[in-house]
């Protein structure tokens, strides 16, 4: 990092100075971030940190964003552009080694979907460095009125992904998805269908160790039975599984 910082400083790029200051844990790093916030943060520069609305929380490592939590105004449809914002962030030089993302909520009226964020990943084809993804925070929305969008379409972009959480009323994991480095998966919903369970079982995740599934209620469209998770219970689907949480499940006691 310091060799790269020296090269950047030779070109007059303030990122070089930021790397050095953060490596030294210098308080001057905050002042430099503020001075060049548009270059370092792009659209996040003016997000602030509103706990209940638009906000951002970042963790840094040697001049680069390691973890980002990004929230948009849940009820500000038309005012925000989650696709454009996230795409611009993923293209930032400071996000080139991004390892962890926690996203949502997004603006909506009757139903909230994270498809706009899926679109940003598809547009940029980044970040290949991602290790952890939480999609997504539904904020004050009733979970039954939310959806993840098509995660399967972007799964190939994350070959190093180790932890994935999909949290929404309608989950779309994708069919025959391959996540070779995945160790932890949480599917959090109130209306998991038989087809959704089939998608989970067909997931190619040879290193998966922890799996938690919220199945939900038939009153909200949940379906399936213990037979549909047989290959999980006998460890044929995920040979390295050591923890399986059956959450919010109407048929958890069935044999």
Protein backbone atom coordinates (compact mmCIF):
# COMPACT_ATOMS: atom_id res chain seq x y z
CA UNK A 1 0.00 0.00 0.00
CA UNK A 2 2.78 2.45 0.88
CA UNK A 3 4.61 1.81 -2.39
CA UNK A 4 1.37 2.51 -4.25
CA UNK A 5 0.85 5.62 -2.09
CA UNK A 6 4.30 6.90 -3.00
CA UNK A 7 3.53 6.43 -6.71
CA UNK A 8 0.19 8.27 -6.33
CA UNK A 9 1.78 11.15 -4.45
CA UNK A 10 4.32 11.48 -7.24
CA UNK A 11 1.37 12.12 -9.55
CA UNK A 12 -0.25 14.61 -7.18
CA UNK A 13 -3.15 12.30 -6.33
CA UNK A 14 -4.50 12.97 -2.77
CA UNK A 15 -5.36 9.29 -2.43
CA UNK A 16 -1.66 8.65 -1.88
CA UNK A 17 -1.63 10.95 1.13
CA UNK A 18 -4.82 9.36 2.47
CA UNK A 19 -3.25 5.89 2.35
CA UNK A 20 -0.23 7.12 4.32
CA UNK A 21 -2.30 8.99 6.92
CA UNK A 22 -4.67 6.06 7.51
CA UNK A 23 -1.75 3.63 7.71
CA UNK A 24 -0.35 5.88 10.46
CA UNK A 25 -3.76 6.19 12.17
CA UNK A 26 -3.31 9.94 11.89
CA UNK A 27 -6.26 12.20 12.84
CA UNK A 28 -5.31 14.30 9.82
CA UNK A 29 -6.92 11.64 7.62
CA UNK A 30 -10.41 12.90 8.54
CA UNK A 31 -9.53 16.43 7.47
CA UNK A 32 -8.17 15.15 4.17
CA UNK A 33 -11.33 13.09 3.58
CA UNK A 34 -13.42 16.19 4.15
CA UNK A 35 -11.28 18.32 1.86
CA UNK A 36 -11.50 15.86 -1.05
CA UNK A 37 -14.83 14.24 -0.20
CA UNK A 38 -16.23 14.37 -3.74
CA UNK A 39 -13.16 12.60 -5.18
CA UNK A 40 -13.01 10.01 -2.40
CA UNK A 41 -16.75 9.42 -1.88
CA UNK A 42 -18.56 10.38 -5.08
CA UNK A 43 -22.33 10.54 -4.45
CA UNK A 44 -21.82 9.45 -0.83
CA UNK A 45 -20.14 12.78 -0.04
CA UNK A 46 -23.45 14.38 0.92
CA UNK A 47 -25.33 11.35 2.24
CA UNK A 48 -24.65 12.12 5.90
CA UNK A 49 -25.64 9.45 8.44
CA UNK A 50 -29.37 9.67 9.03
CA UNK A 51 -30.28 6.58 11.05
CA UNK A 52 -33.86 6.56 9.77
CA UNK A 53 -33.32 7.80 6.22
CA UNK A 54 -30.61 8.52 3.70
CA UNK A 55 -27.21 7.79 5.17
CA UNK A 56 -23.88 6.04 4.87
CA UNK A 57 -21.44 4.33 7.22
CA UNK A 58 -17.94 3.50 6.01
CA UNK A 59 -15.01 1.54 7.40
CA UNK A 60 -11.62 2.30 5.86
CA UNK A 61 -8.34 0.41 5.52
CA UNK A 62 -5.21 2.12 4.19
CA UNK A 63 -7.03 4.62 1.98
CA UNK A 64 -9.71 2.26 0.68
CA UNK A 65 -13.30 1.57 1.72
CA UNK A 66 -13.46 -1.86 3.32
CA UNK A 67 -17.12 -1.86 4.41
CA UNK A 68 -20.01 0.34 3.26
CA UNK A 69 -23.54 0.59 4.60
CA UNK A 70 -25.69 2.70 2.28
CA UNK A 71 -29.29 3.73 2.93
CA UNK A 72 -31.71 5.73 0.82
CA UNK A 73 -34.88 7.50 1.94
CA UNK A 74 -37.53 4.77 2.19
CA UNK A 75 -40.35 7.05 1.14
CA UNK A 76 -38.59 9.51 -1.15
CA UNK A 77 -39.40 7.97 -4.53
CA UNK A 78 -38.27 10.17 -7.39
CA UNK A 79 -35.77 12.06 -5.26
CA UNK A 80 -33.05 9.38 -5.08
CA UNK A 81 -31.28 7.33 -7.73
CA UNK A 82 -30.05 4.13 -6.03
CA UNK A 83 -28.86 2.61 -9.32
CA UNK A 84 -26.79 5.64 -10.26
CA UNK A 85 -25.52 6.20 -6.73
CA UNK A 86 -24.35 2.62 -6.18
CA UNK A 87 -22.86 2.37 -9.68
CA UNK A 88 -20.87 5.58 -9.10
CA UNK A 89 -19.65 4.28 -5.73
CA UNK A 90 -18.51 0.97 -7.20
CA UNK A 91 -16.48 2.88 -9.80
CA UNK A 92 -14.64 4.97 -7.19
CA UNK A 93 -10.88 4.38 -6.87
CA UNK A 94 -11.41 4.17 -3.10
CA UNK A 95 -13.87 1.26 -3.57
CA UNK A 96 -11.62 -0.96 -5.66
CA UNK A 97 -10.98 -3.33 -2.71
CA UNK A 98 -14.50 -3.24 -1.23
CA UNK A 99 -15.13 -6.34 0.89
CA UNK A 100 -18.49 -5.80 2.59
CA UNK A 101 -21.77 -4.12 1.61
CA UNK A 102 -24.98 -3.61 3.54
CA UNK A 103 -27.66 -2.01 1.36
CA UNK A 104 -31.12 -0.57 1.75
CA UNK A 105 -33.72 0.61 2.18
CA UNK A 106 -34.56 2.14 -1.21
CA UNK A 107 -37.28 4.59 -2.12
CA UNK A 108 -40.66 3.16 -3.09
CA UNK A 109 -44.41 3.80 -2.92
CA UNK A 110 -46.52 0.62 -2.75
CA UNK A 111 -43.77 -2.03 -2.83
CA UNK A 112 -40.03 -1.76 -2.29
CA UNK A 113 -37.59 -3.73 -4.44
CA UNK A 114 -33.81 -3.89 -4.45
CA UNK A 115 -33.74 -4.52 -8.20
CA UNK A 116 -32.32 -1.02 -8.71
CA UNK A 117 -29.25 -2.12 -6.73
CA UNK A 118 -29.04 -5.35 -8.72
CA UNK A 119 -29.03 -3.17 -11.85
CA UNK A 120 -26.04 -1.19 -10.52
CA UNK A 121 -24.03 -4.37 -9.99
CA UNK A 122 -24.91 -5.57 -13.48
CA UNK A 123 -23.94 -2.21 -14.98
CA UNK A 124 -20.50 -2.04 -13.34
CA UNK A 125 -19.65 -5.77 -13.11
CA UNK A 126 -18.20 -5.00 -9.67
CA UNK A 127 -16.95 -5.60 -7.01
CA UNK A 128 -15.15 -8.91 -7.56
CA UNK A 129 -13.45 -8.40 -4.18
CA UNK A 130 -16.73 -8.64 -2.24
CA UNK A 131 -16.71 -11.06 0.73
CA UNK A 132 -19.99 -10.13 2.41
CA UNK A 133 -23.34 -8.85 1.10
CA UNK A 134 -26.50 -7.94 3.00
CA UNK A 135 -29.44 -7.30 0.67
CA UNK A 136 -31.19 -5.67 2.19
CA UNK A 137 -32.37 -3.46 4.95
CA UNK A 138 -36.12 -2.86 4.56
CA UNK A 139 -36.24 -0.03 7.11
CA UNK A 140 -39.80 0.78 8.19
CA UNK A 141 -41.35 -1.23 5.38
CA UNK A 142 -43.49 -4.28 6.11
CA UNK A 143 -41.27 -7.12 4.89
CA UNK A 144 -44.20 -8.67 2.97
CA UNK A 145 -44.17 -5.62 0.66
CA UNK A 146 -40.51 -5.96 -0.34
CA UNK A 147 -38.44 -8.01 -2.77
CA UNK A 148 -34.75 -8.65 -3.41
CA UNK A 149 -34.79 -8.56 -7.18
CA UNK A 150 -32.91 -11.16 -9.22
CA UNK A 151 -29.80 -12.02 -7.19
CA UNK A 152 -29.02 -14.94 -9.51
CA UNK A 153 -28.18 -12.52 -12.32
CA UNK A 154 -25.29 -11.01 -10.34
CA UNK A 155 -24.02 -14.03 -8.38
CA UNK A 156 -21.20 -14.71 -10.91
CA UNK A 157 -19.78 -11.25 -10.15
CA UNK A 158 -18.84 -12.34 -6.62
CA UNK A 159 -16.47 -15.34 -6.84
CA UNK A 160 -15.01 -14.59 -3.39
CA UNK A 161 -18.31 -14.06 -1.55
CA UNK A 162 -18.21 -15.76 1.87
CA UNK A 163 -21.35 -14.46 3.58
CA UNK A 164 -24.72 -13.64 2.02
CA UNK A 165 -27.97 -12.44 3.55
CA UNK A 166 -31.09 -11.97 1.45
CA UNK A 167 -33.80 -10.22 3.47
CA UNK A 168 -37.15 -9.38 1.88
CA UNK A 169 -40.70 -10.61 1.48
CA UNK A 170 -39.98 -12.05 -1.97
CA UNK A 171 -36.59 -13.75 -2.35
CA UNK A 172 -35.06 -14.56 -5.75
CA UNK A 173 -31.83 -16.48 -5.15
CA UNK A 174 -31.69 -17.73 -8.74
CA UNK A 175 -31.47 -21.24 -10.17
CA UNK A 176 -28.30 -23.35 -10.03
CA UNK A 177 -26.31 -20.45 -8.61
CA UNK A 178 -22.64 -21.11 -7.88
CA UNK A 179 -20.89 -19.41 -4.94
CA UNK A 180 -17.70 -21.46 -4.50
CA UNK A 181 -16.38 -19.59 -1.43
CA UNK A 182 -19.69 -19.11 0.42
CA UNK A 183 -19.55 -20.17 4.09
CA UNK A 184 -22.66 -18.48 5.53
CA UNK A 185 -26.09 -18.00 3.99
CA UNK A 186 -29.20 -16.46 5.55
CA UNK A 187 -32.52 -16.36 3.69
CA UNK A 188 -34.87 -14.11 5.66
CA UNK A 189 -38.45 -13.88 4.42
CA UNK A 190 -42.03 -14.49 5.48
CA UNK A 191 -43.21 -16.24 2.32
CA UNK A 192 -40.67 -18.81 1.08
CA UNK A 193 -42.19 -20.97 -1.66
CA UNK A 194 -41.44 -24.52 -2.70
CA UNK A 195 -39.62 -23.18 -5.76
CA UNK A 196 -37.54 -20.91 -3.53
CA UNK A 197 -36.54 -23.91 -1.41
CA UNK A 198 -35.58 -25.77 -4.58
CA UNK A 199 -33.32 -22.86 -5.56
CA UNK A 200 -31.61 -23.00 -2.15
CA UNK A 201 -31.07 -26.74 -2.36
CA UNK A 202 -29.64 -26.43 -5.87
CA UNK A 203 -27.12 -23.80 -4.77
CA UNK A 204 -23.56 -24.88 -5.52
CA UNK A 205 -21.77 -23.89 -2.32
CA UNK A 206 -19.32 -26.66 -1.40
CA UNK A 207 -17.85 -24.67 1.53
CA UNK A 208 -21.16 -23.71 3.14
CA UNK A 209 -20.98 -24.15 6.93
CA UNK A 210 -23.92 -22.10 8.27
CA UNK A 211 -27.41 -21.89 6.79
CA UNK A 212 -30.43 -20.08 8.23
CA UNK A 213 -33.79 -20.06 6.48
CA UNK A 214 -36.91 -18.13 7.44
CA UNK A 215 -39.74 -20.10 5.84
CA UNK A 216 -42.71 -17.92 6.78
CA UNK A 217 -46.44 -18.46 6.80
CA UNK A 218 -48.81 -20.03 4.31
CA UNK A 219 -51.02 -16.98 4.92
CA UNK A 220 -48.38 -15.00 3.01
CA UNK A 221 -47.73 -17.61 0.31
CA UNK A 222 -45.15 -19.84 1.98
CA UNK A 223 -45.21 -23.43 0.79
CA UNK A 224 -43.14 -26.60 0.89
CA UNK A 225 -42.57 -29.32 3.46
CA UNK A 226 -39.86 -31.22 5.28
CA UNK A 227 -39.41 -33.39 2.17
CA UNK A 228 -38.16 -30.35 0.25
CA UNK A 229 -35.22 -29.89 2.61
CA UNK A 230 -34.30 -33.59 2.86
CA UNK A 231 -31.01 -33.09 1.00
CA UNK A 232 -30.05 -30.41 3.52
CA UNK A 233 -30.90 -32.60 6.50
CA UNK A 234 -28.91 -35.56 5.22
CA UNK A 235 -25.98 -33.25 4.29
CA UNK A 236 -25.94 -34.30 0.64
CA UNK A 237 -26.65 -30.74 -0.53
CA UNK A 238 -24.00 -29.09 1.65
CA UNK A 239 -21.47 -31.63 2.97
CA UNK A 240 -19.64 -29.15 5.23
CA UNK A 241 -22.77 -27.76 6.90
CA UNK A 242 -22.46 -27.60 10.70
CA UNK A 243 -25.35 -25.26 11.54
CA UNK A 244 -28.86 -25.27 10.06
CA UNK A 245 -31.41 -22.85 11.49
CA UNK A 246 -35.05 -23.52 10.58
CA UNK A 247 -36.66 -20.19 11.41
CA UNK A 248 -40.31 -19.08 11.41
CA UNK A 249 -41.37 -22.47 10.09
CA UNK A 250 -44.94 -23.83 10.39
CA UNK A 251 -43.91 -27.45 9.80
CA UNK A 252 -40.71 -27.56 11.85
CA UNK A 253 -41.99 -30.48 13.96
CA UNK A 254 -43.03 -32.68 11.04
CA UNK A 255 -41.24 -35.99 10.51
